[in-house]
C-alpha atoms as a PDB file:
ATOM      1  CA  MET A   1     118.316 197.279  59.832  1.00  0.00           C
ATOM      2  CA  ILE A   2     116.798 195.176  62.616  1.00  0.00           C
ATOM      3  CA  THR A   3     117.353 198.109  64.948  1.00  0.00           C
ATOM      4  CA  VAL A   4     115.449 200.543  62.739  1.00  0.00           C
ATOM      5  CA  LEU A   5     112.606 198.092  62.241  1.00  0.00           C
ATOM      6  CA  LEU A   6     112.315 197.456  65.964  1.00  0.00           C
ATOM      7  CA  LEU A   7     112.286 201.172  66.751  1.00  0.00           C
ATOM      8  CA  ILE A   8     109.579 201.925  64.194  1.00  0.00           C
ATOM      9  CA  LEU A   9     107.508 198.867  65.089  1.00  0.00           C
ATOM     10  CA  SER A  10     107.594 199.668  68.799  1.00  0.00           C
ATOM     11  CA  VAL A  11     105.986 203.038  68.079  1.00  0.00           C
ATOM     12  CA  ILE A  12     103.461 201.792  65.540  1.00  0.00           C
ATOM     13  CA  SER A  13     102.310 198.874  67.676  1.00  0.00           C
ATOM     14  CA  GLY A  14     102.044 201.119  70.728  1.00  0.00           C
ATOM     15  CA  VAL A  15      99.943 203.670  68.846  1.00  0.00           C
ATOM     16  CA  PHE A  16      97.775 200.903  67.445  1.00  0.00           C
ATOM     17  CA  LEU A  17      97.137 199.472  70.913  1.00  0.00           C
ATOM     18  CA  GLY A  18      96.461 202.967  72.252  1.00  0.00           C
ATOM     19  CA  LYS A  19      93.935 203.590  69.544  1.00  0.00           C
ATOM     20  CA  TYR A  20      91.929 200.483  70.453  1.00  0.00           C
ATOM     21  CA  PHE A  21      92.528 200.185  74.183  1.00  0.00           C
ATOM     22  CA  GLY A  22      93.253 203.804  74.963  1.00  0.00           C
ATOM     23  CA  LYS A  23      90.207 204.150  77.176  1.00  0.00           C
ATOM     24  CA  LYS A  24      91.838 201.746  79.621  1.00  0.00           C
ATOM     25  CA  GLU A  25      94.263 204.075  81.348  1.00  0.00           C
ATOM     26  CA  LYS A  26      95.225 201.268  83.709  1.00  0.00           C
ATOM     27  CA  ILE A  27      96.973 199.440  80.866  1.00  0.00           C
ATOM     28  CA  ALA A  28      99.042 202.492  79.981  1.00  0.00           C
ATOM     29  CA  LYS A  29      99.942 203.122  83.616  1.00  0.00           C
ATOM     30  CA  ASN A  30     101.009 199.521  84.186  1.00  0.00           C
ATOM     31  CA  LEU A  31     103.032 199.450  80.974  1.00  0.00           C
ATOM     32  CA  LEU A  32     104.762 202.641  82.075  1.00  0.00           C
ATOM     33  CA  ILE A  33     105.629 201.288  85.520  1.00  0.00           C
ATOM     34  CA  LEU A  34     106.960 198.077  83.999  1.00  0.00           C
ATOM     35  CA  SER A  35     109.062 200.027  81.513  1.00  0.00           C
ATOM     36  CA  ALA A  36     110.337 202.303  84.295  1.00  0.00           C
ATOM     37  CA  GLY A  37     111.703 199.327  86.224  1.00  0.00           C
ATOM     38  CA  PHE A  38     113.291 198.121  83.017  1.00  0.00           C
ATOM     39  CA  LEU A  39     114.743 201.548  82.146  1.00  0.00           C
ATOM     40  CA  ILE A  40     116.281 202.298  85.512  1.00  0.00           C
ATOM     41  CA  THR A  41     117.993 198.899  85.464  1.00  0.00           C
ATOM     42  CA  ILE A  42     119.303 199.439  81.927  1.00  0.00           C
ATOM     43  CA  CYS A  43     120.505 202.803  83.143  1.00  0.00           C
ATOM     44  CA  LEU A  44     122.456 201.435  86.091  1.00  0.00           C
ATOM     45  CA  ASN A  45     123.670 198.220  84.463  1.00  0.00           C
ATOM     46  CA  GLU A  46     124.396 199.257  80.897  1.00  0.00           C
ATOM     47  CA  VAL A  47     124.438 202.995  80.376  1.00  0.00           C
ATOM     48  CA  PHE A  48     126.293 204.272  83.441  1.00  0.00           C
ATOM     49  CA  PRO A  49     129.028 201.611  83.512  1.00  0.00           C
ATOM     50  CA  LYS A  50     129.664 202.343  79.847  1.00  0.00           C
ATOM     51  CA  VAL A  51     129.666 206.068  80.498  1.00  0.00           C
ATOM     52  CA  TYR A  52     131.932 205.960  83.528  1.00  0.00           C
ATOM     53  CA  THR A  53     134.447 203.471  82.157  1.00  0.00           C
ATOM     54  CA  SER A  54     135.061 205.574  79.086  1.00  0.00           C
ATOM     55  CA  GLU A  55     138.760 206.335  78.779  1.00  0.00           C
ATOM     56  CA  THR A  56     138.443 209.277  76.433  1.00  0.00           C
ATOM     57  CA  ALA A  57     135.815 211.360  78.188  1.00  0.00           C
ATOM     58  CA  ASN A  58     135.762 213.179  81.492  1.00  0.00           C
ATOM     59  CA  ASN A  59     133.339 215.203  83.634  1.00  0.00           C
ATOM     60  CA  LEU A  60     130.587 212.924  82.440  1.00  0.00           C
ATOM     61  CA  GLY A  61     128.490 213.530  85.550  1.00  0.00           C
ATOM     62  CA  ILE A  62     127.773 217.004  84.219  1.00  0.00           C
ATOM     63  CA  PHE A  63     126.310 215.467  81.067  1.00  0.00           C
ATOM     64  CA  VAL A  64     124.131 213.094  83.067  1.00  0.00           C
ATOM     65  CA  ILE A  65     122.734 216.100  84.942  1.00  0.00           C
ATOM     66  CA  THR A  66     122.325 217.873  81.590  1.00  0.00           C
ATOM     67  CA  GLY A  67     120.164 214.951  80.488  1.00  0.00           C
ATOM     68  CA  VAL A  68     118.034 215.267  83.620  1.00  0.00           C
ATOM     69  CA  LEU A  69     117.595 219.019  83.084  1.00  0.00           C
ATOM     70  CA  LEU A  70     116.940 218.604  79.372  1.00  0.00           C
ATOM     71  CA  GLN A  71     114.183 216.134  80.151  1.00  0.00           C
ATOM     72  CA  MET A  72     112.656 218.644  82.582  1.00  0.00           C
ATOM     73  CA  VAL A  73     112.632 221.265  79.821  1.00  0.00           C
ATOM     74  CA  LEU A  74     111.148 218.815  77.325  1.00  0.00           C
ATOM     75  CA  GLU A  75     108.406 218.002  79.800  1.00  0.00           C
ATOM     76  CA  ALA A  76     107.408 221.637  79.800  1.00  0.00           C
ATOM     77  CA  LEU A  77     106.648 221.089  76.114  1.00  0.00           C
ATOM     78  CA  THR A  78     105.043 217.676  76.427  1.00  0.00           C
ATOM     79  CA  LYS A  79     103.396 218.335  79.808  1.00  0.00           C
ATOM     80  CA  GLY A  80     104.802 215.110  81.235  1.00  0.00           C
ATOM     81  CA  PHE A  81     103.367 212.992  78.458  1.00  0.00           C
ATOM     82  CA  GLU A  82     106.295 210.562  78.817  1.00  0.00           C
ATOM     83  CA  HIS A  83     105.126 209.399  82.171  1.00  0.00           C
ATOM     84  CA  GLY A  84     101.454 209.168  81.582  1.00  0.00           C
ATOM     85  CA  HIS A  85     100.372 212.667  82.495  1.00  0.00           C
ATOM     86  CA  PHE A  86      97.649 212.969  79.974  1.00  0.00           C
ATOM     87  CA  HIS A  87      94.809 213.675  82.319  1.00  0.00           C
ATOM     88  CA  HIS A  88      91.778 214.942  80.557  1.00  0.00           C
ATOM     89  CA  HIS A  89      91.800 218.433  81.965  1.00  0.00           C
ATOM     90  CA  ASN A  90      95.277 218.923  80.547  1.00  0.00           C
ATOM     91  CA  GLU A  91      94.484 217.795  77.076  1.00  0.00           C
ATOM     92  CA  HIS A  92      93.667 221.231  75.808  1.00  0.00           C
ATOM     93  CA  ASN A  93      96.893 222.675  77.143  1.00  0.00           C
ATOM     94  CA  ILE A  94      98.985 220.379  75.014  1.00  0.00           C
ATOM     95  CA  LEU A  95      99.698 222.022  71.710  1.00  0.00           C
ATOM     96  CA  PRO A  96     100.305 219.264  69.200  1.00  0.00           C
ATOM     97  CA  VAL A  97     103.300 221.197  67.850  1.00  0.00           C
ATOM     98  CA  ALA A  98     104.934 221.424  71.277  1.00  0.00           C
ATOM     99  CA  LEU A  99     104.182 217.770  71.875  1.00  0.00           C
ATOM    100  CA  MET A 100     105.657 216.845  68.519  1.00  0.00           C
ATOM    101  CA  VAL A 101     108.823 218.856  69.110  1.00  0.00           C
ATOM    102  CA  GLY A 102     109.251 217.536  72.663  1.00  0.00           C
ATOM    103  CA  LEU A 103     108.769 213.886  71.755  1.00  0.00           C
ATOM    104  CA  PHE A 104     110.897 214.192  68.631  1.00  0.00           C
ATOM    105  CA  ILE A 105     113.896 215.715  70.448  1.00  0.00           C
ATOM    106  CA  HIS A 106     113.576 213.142  73.214  1.00  0.00           C
ATOM    107  CA  ALA A 107     113.516 210.156  70.840  1.00  0.00           C
ATOM    108  CA  PHE A 108     116.117 211.664  68.519  1.00  0.00           C
ATOM    109  CA  ILE A 109     118.690 212.032  71.303  1.00  0.00           C
ATOM    110  CA  GLU A 110     118.008 208.489  72.490  1.00  0.00           C
ATOM    111  CA  GLY A 111     118.795 207.256  68.994  1.00  0.00           C
ATOM    112  CA  ILE A 112     122.278 208.804  68.733  1.00  0.00           C
ATOM    113  CA  PRO A 113     124.139 206.264  70.944  1.00  0.00           C
ATOM    114  CA  LEU A 114     122.647 203.401  68.915  1.00  0.00           C
ATOM    115  CA  ALA A 115     125.138 204.202  66.149  1.00  0.00           C
ATOM    116  CA  ASN A 116     127.907 202.669  68.238  1.00  0.00           C
ATOM    117  CA  GLU A 117     126.137 199.632  69.585  1.00  0.00           C
ATOM    118  CA  ASP A 118     128.162 196.615  68.514  1.00  0.00           C
ATOM    119  CA  HIS A 119     125.311 194.258  69.122  1.00  0.00           C
ATOM    120  CA  GLU A 120     122.020 194.079  67.205  1.00  0.00           C
ATOM    121  CA  LEU A 121     119.773 193.457  70.177  1.00  0.00           C
ATOM    122  CA  SER A 122     121.596 195.411  72.849  1.00  0.00           C
ATOM    123  CA  PRO A 123     119.875 195.974  76.187  1.00  0.00           C
ATOM    124  CA  TYR A 124     120.114 199.689  75.449  1.00  0.00           C
ATOM    125  CA  LEU A 125     118.092 199.285  72.257  1.00  0.00           C
ATOM    126  CA  LEU A 126     115.533 197.144  74.036  1.00  0.00           C
ATOM    127  CA  GLY A 127     115.357 199.783  76.749  1.00  0.00           C
ATOM    128  CA  ILE A 128     114.305 202.340  74.146  1.00  0.00           C
ATOM    129  CA  VAL A 129     111.869 199.929  72.511  1.00  0.00           C
ATOM    130  CA  PHE A 130     110.361 199.076  75.883  1.00  0.00           C
ATOM    131  CA  HIS A 131     110.061 202.723  76.713  1.00  0.00           C
ATOM    132  CA  ASN A 132     108.534 203.610  73.320  1.00  0.00           C
ATOM    133  CA  LEU A 133     105.634 201.231  73.798  1.00  0.00           C
ATOM    134  CA  PRO A 134     103.836 202.986  76.659  1.00  0.00           C
ATOM    135  CA  ILE A 135     104.557 206.463  75.263  1.00  0.00           C
ATOM    136  CA  SER A 136     103.146 205.405  71.895  1.00  0.00           C
ATOM    137  CA  PHE A 137     100.196 203.790  73.629  1.00  0.00           C
ATOM    138  CA  ILE A 138      99.412 207.120  75.283  1.00  0.00           C
ATOM    139  CA  LEU A 139     100.032 208.928  72.015  1.00  0.00           C
ATOM    140  CA  GLY A 140      97.630 206.639  70.172  1.00  0.00           C
ATOM    141  CA  ALA A 141      94.991 207.110  72.854  1.00  0.00           C
ATOM    142  CA  PHE A 142      95.526 210.853  72.806  1.00  0.00           C
ATOM    143  CA  LEU A 143      95.485 211.334  69.030  1.00  0.00           C
ATOM    144  CA  PHE A 144      92.840 208.884  67.951  1.00  0.00           C
ATOM    145  CA  ASN A 145      90.389 208.841  70.812  1.00  0.00           C
ATOM    146  CA  ARG A 146      89.345 212.403  70.978  1.00  0.00           C
ATOM    147  CA  LYS A 147      88.256 215.110  68.649  1.00  0.00           C
ATOM    148  CA  TYR A 148      91.071 217.460  67.842  1.00  0.00           C
ATOM    149  CA  GLU A 149      88.794 219.555  65.710  1.00  0.00           C
ATOM    150  CA  SER A 150      88.439 222.311  68.234  1.00  0.00           C
ATOM    151  CA  LYS A 151      88.513 225.973  67.312  1.00  0.00           C
ATOM    152  CA  THR A 152      92.005 226.466  68.714  1.00  0.00           C
ATOM    153  CA  TYR A 153      93.669 224.345  66.095  1.00  0.00           C
ATOM    154  CA  PRO A 154      92.207 222.615  63.085  1.00  0.00           C
ATOM    155  CA  SER A 155      92.620 218.879  62.784  1.00  0.00           C
ATOM    156  CA  TYR A 156      96.272 218.021  62.988  1.00  0.00           C
ATOM    157  CA  PRO A 157      97.545 215.233  60.817  1.00  0.00           C
ATOM    158  CA  SER A 158      97.845 212.745  63.641  1.00  0.00           C
ATOM    159  CA  LEU A 159      99.677 210.329  61.396  1.00  0.00           C
ATOM    160  CA  LEU A 160     102.394 212.913  60.851  1.00  0.00           C
ATOM    161  CA  ILE A 161     102.987 213.112  64.604  1.00  0.00           C
ATOM    162  CA  VAL A 162     103.201 209.332  64.797  1.00  0.00           C
ATOM    163  CA  ALA A 163     105.538 209.144  61.790  1.00  0.00           C
ATOM    164  CA  LEU A 164     107.824 211.804  63.246  1.00  0.00           C
ATOM    165  CA  PHE A 165     108.002 210.035  66.581  1.00  0.00           C
ATOM    166  CA  ALA A 166     108.620 206.667  64.912  1.00  0.00           C
ATOM    167  CA  LEU A 167     111.444 208.042  62.769  1.00  0.00           C
ATOM    168  CA  ALA A 168     113.111 210.194  65.433  1.00  0.00           C
ATOM    169  CA  SER A 169     115.326 207.496  66.993  1.00  0.00           C
ATOM    170  CA  PRO A 170     116.371 205.987  63.633  1.00  0.00           C
ATOM    171  CA  LEU A 171     117.287 209.503  62.458  1.00  0.00           C
ATOM    172  CA  GLY A 172     119.289 210.078  65.631  1.00  0.00           C
ATOM    173  CA  MET A 173     121.090 206.821  64.983  1.00  0.00           C
ATOM    174  CA  LEU A 174     121.828 207.849  61.413  1.00  0.00           C
ATOM    175  CA  LEU A 175     123.299 211.140  62.582  1.00  0.00           C
ATOM    176  CA  GLY A 176     125.245 209.315  65.290  1.00  0.00           C
ATOM    177  CA  ASN A 177     127.179 207.517  62.558  1.00  0.00           C
ATOM    178  CA  TYR A 178     128.749 210.799  61.511  1.00  0.00           C
ATOM    179  CA  PHE A 179     129.874 211.848  64.972  1.00  0.00           C
ATOM    180  CA  ASN A 180     133.339 211.272  66.275  1.00  0.00           C
ATOM    181  CA  PRO A 181     133.107 208.063  68.345  1.00  0.00           C
ATOM    182  CA  ASP A 182     134.882 209.922  71.164  1.00  0.00           C
ATOM    183  CA  LEU A 183     131.705 211.960  71.623  1.00  0.00           C
ATOM    184  CA  GLN A 184     129.699 208.818  72.213  1.00  0.00           C
ATOM    185  CA  PRO A 185     130.092 208.700  76.028  1.00  0.00           C
ATOM    186  CA  TYR A 186     128.748 212.259  76.261  1.00  0.00           C
ATOM    187  CA  PHE A 187     125.573 211.412  74.348  1.00  0.00           C
ATOM    188  CA  LEU A 188     125.185 208.234  76.329  1.00  0.00           C
ATOM    189  CA  ALA A 189     125.551 210.250  79.552  1.00  0.00           C
ATOM    190  CA  ILE A 190     122.813 212.660  78.436  1.00  0.00           C
ATOM    191  CA  VAL A 191     120.505 209.761  77.587  1.00  0.00           C
ATOM    192  CA  GLY A 192     121.368 208.198  80.946  1.00  0.00           C
ATOM    193  CA  GLY A 193     120.141 211.382  82.606  1.00  0.00           C
ATOM    194  CA  ILE A 194     116.938 211.341  80.549  1.00  0.00           C
ATOM    195  CA  PHE A 195     116.265 207.668  81.387  1.00  0.00           C
ATOM    196  CA  LEU A 196     117.048 208.260  85.037  1.00  0.00           C
ATOM    197  CA  HIS A 197     114.657 211.197  85.270  1.00  0.00           C
ATOM    198  CA  ILE A 198     111.781 209.494  83.473  1.00  0.00           C
ATOM    199  CA  SER A 199     112.055 206.177  85.284  1.00  0.00           C
ATOM    200  CA  SER A 200     112.482 207.703  88.721  1.00  0.00           C
ATOM    201  CA  VAL A 201     109.532 210.063  88.235  1.00  0.00           C
ATOM    202  CA  ILE A 202     107.338 207.093  87.316  1.00  0.00           C
ATOM    203  CA  ILE A 203     108.644 204.867  90.094  1.00  0.00           C
ATOM    204  CA  PHE A 204     108.661 207.454  92.875  1.00  0.00           C
ATOM    205  CA  GLU A 205     105.449 209.188  91.998  1.00  0.00           C
ATOM    206  CA  SER A 206     103.412 208.705  95.127  1.00  0.00           C
ATOM    207  CA  ASN A 207     100.051 207.096  94.991  1.00  0.00           C
ATOM    208  CA  LYS A 208      97.124 208.840  96.600  1.00  0.00           C
ATOM    209  CA  ASN A 209      97.456 207.919 100.252  1.00  0.00           C
ATOM    210  CA  HIS A 210     101.059 206.772 100.281  1.00  0.00           C
ATOM    211  CA  ASN A 211      99.822 203.258 100.855  1.00  0.00           C
ATOM    212  CA  ILE A 212     102.009 200.455  99.630  1.00  0.00           C
ATOM    213  CA  ASP A 213     100.974 199.758  96.086  1.00  0.00           C
ATOM    214  CA  TRP A 214     101.823 196.091  95.648  1.00  0.00           C
ATOM    215  CA  THR A 215     100.885 196.043  91.969  1.00  0.00           C
ATOM    216  CA  LYS A 216     103.311 198.853  91.316  1.00  0.00           C
ATOM    217  CA  ILE A 217     106.100 197.214  93.307  1.00  0.00           C
ATOM    218  CA  GLY A 218     105.449 193.958  91.485  1.00  0.00           C
ATOM    219  CA  LEU A 219     105.557 195.640  88.090  1.00  0.00           C
ATOM    220  CA  VAL A 220     108.786 197.472  88.920  1.00  0.00           C
ATOM    221  CA  ILE A 221     110.370 194.206  90.096  1.00  0.00           C
ATOM    222  CA  LEU A 222     109.183 192.497  86.919  1.00  0.00           C
ATOM    223  CA  GLY A 223     110.702 195.268  84.787  1.00  0.00           C
ATOM    224  CA  VAL A 224     113.954 195.104  86.760  1.00  0.00           C
ATOM    225  CA  SER A 225     114.080 191.309  86.443  1.00  0.00           C
ATOM    226  CA  LEU A 226     113.528 191.413  82.675  1.00  0.00           C
ATOM    227  CA  ALA A 227     116.337 193.925  82.291  1.00  0.00           C
ATOM    228  CA  LEU A 228     118.648 191.882  84.546  1.00  0.00           C
ATOM    229  CA  ILE A 229     117.985 188.694  82.612  1.00  0.00           C
ATOM    230  CA  MET A 230     118.840 190.520  79.403  1.00  0.00           C
ATOM    231  CA  HIS A 231     121.895 192.078  80.977  1.00  0.00           C
ATOM    232  CA  LEU A 232     123.200 188.672  82.057  1.00  0.00           C
ATOM    233  CA  PHE A 233     122.397 187.159  78.688  1.00  0.00           C
ATOM    234  CA  HIS A 234     124.155 190.037  76.935  1.00  0.00           C
ATOM    235  CA  SER A 235     127.268 189.901  79.156  1.00  0.00           C
ATOM    236  CA  HIS A 236     127.415 186.150  78.706  1.00  0.00           C
ATOM    237  CA  GLU A 237     127.250 186.519  74.912  1.00  0.00           C
ATOM    238  CA  HIS A 238     129.864 189.260  75.065  1.00  0.00           C
ATOM    239  CA  ALA A 239     132.162 187.036  77.095  1.00  0.00           C
ATOM    240  CA  GLY A 240     131.629 184.343  74.485  1.00  0.00           C
ATOM    241  CA  HIS A 241     132.689 186.731  71.724  1.00  0.00           C
ATOM    242  CA  HIS A 242     135.881 187.658  73.514  1.00  0.00           C
ATOM    243  CA  HIS A 243     137.065 184.072  73.944  1.00  0.00           C
END
């Protein structure tokens, strides 16, 4: 229950912030960089160890690559929305339907492994929540700060897009409950690939003159540190449970 609430709240609060502060692209960018540092750490500390220590599954590397490729395909639909590519000249190229489908699939797949999390506030869950915030911020800015009422498509129910995105991960989690637990490592591997792609694109995207961007480095380190603290806290708690 807490999980579902957190997932939905992370989207709603992000959209809300985007609606009111959406003009400040800097905020969205910084949130994204912070969440990228967090995500890549979750990926390497939580997701991959879990994936690669699975006793039932093999050839998991292929599924990680599948996740990377899947994310590339989804970005063709969302035009890189997940990492802040919502530059104004692109706005008209984004069909709300494509955006909706892309974001929904992305969030839905991320939700599936949550079915097997044995811990309410797992780092994996917080990784998704952390990652939802900036995307929802951009979504809020995109949907509520500009006039959709162009001739190409009549006004889209923006709230429907938000609702779909907010419910995608919980729905994925619900479906995950019906899957054979042996399939879990495969889904986790795919999500690992998705996380890896998104976070590395954000982190390695070069700034204009390839100068050192100290703010960016600082934000990545902050994101990494937050994830590490949670990782240590989580492992410590886990160790406590086993004793």
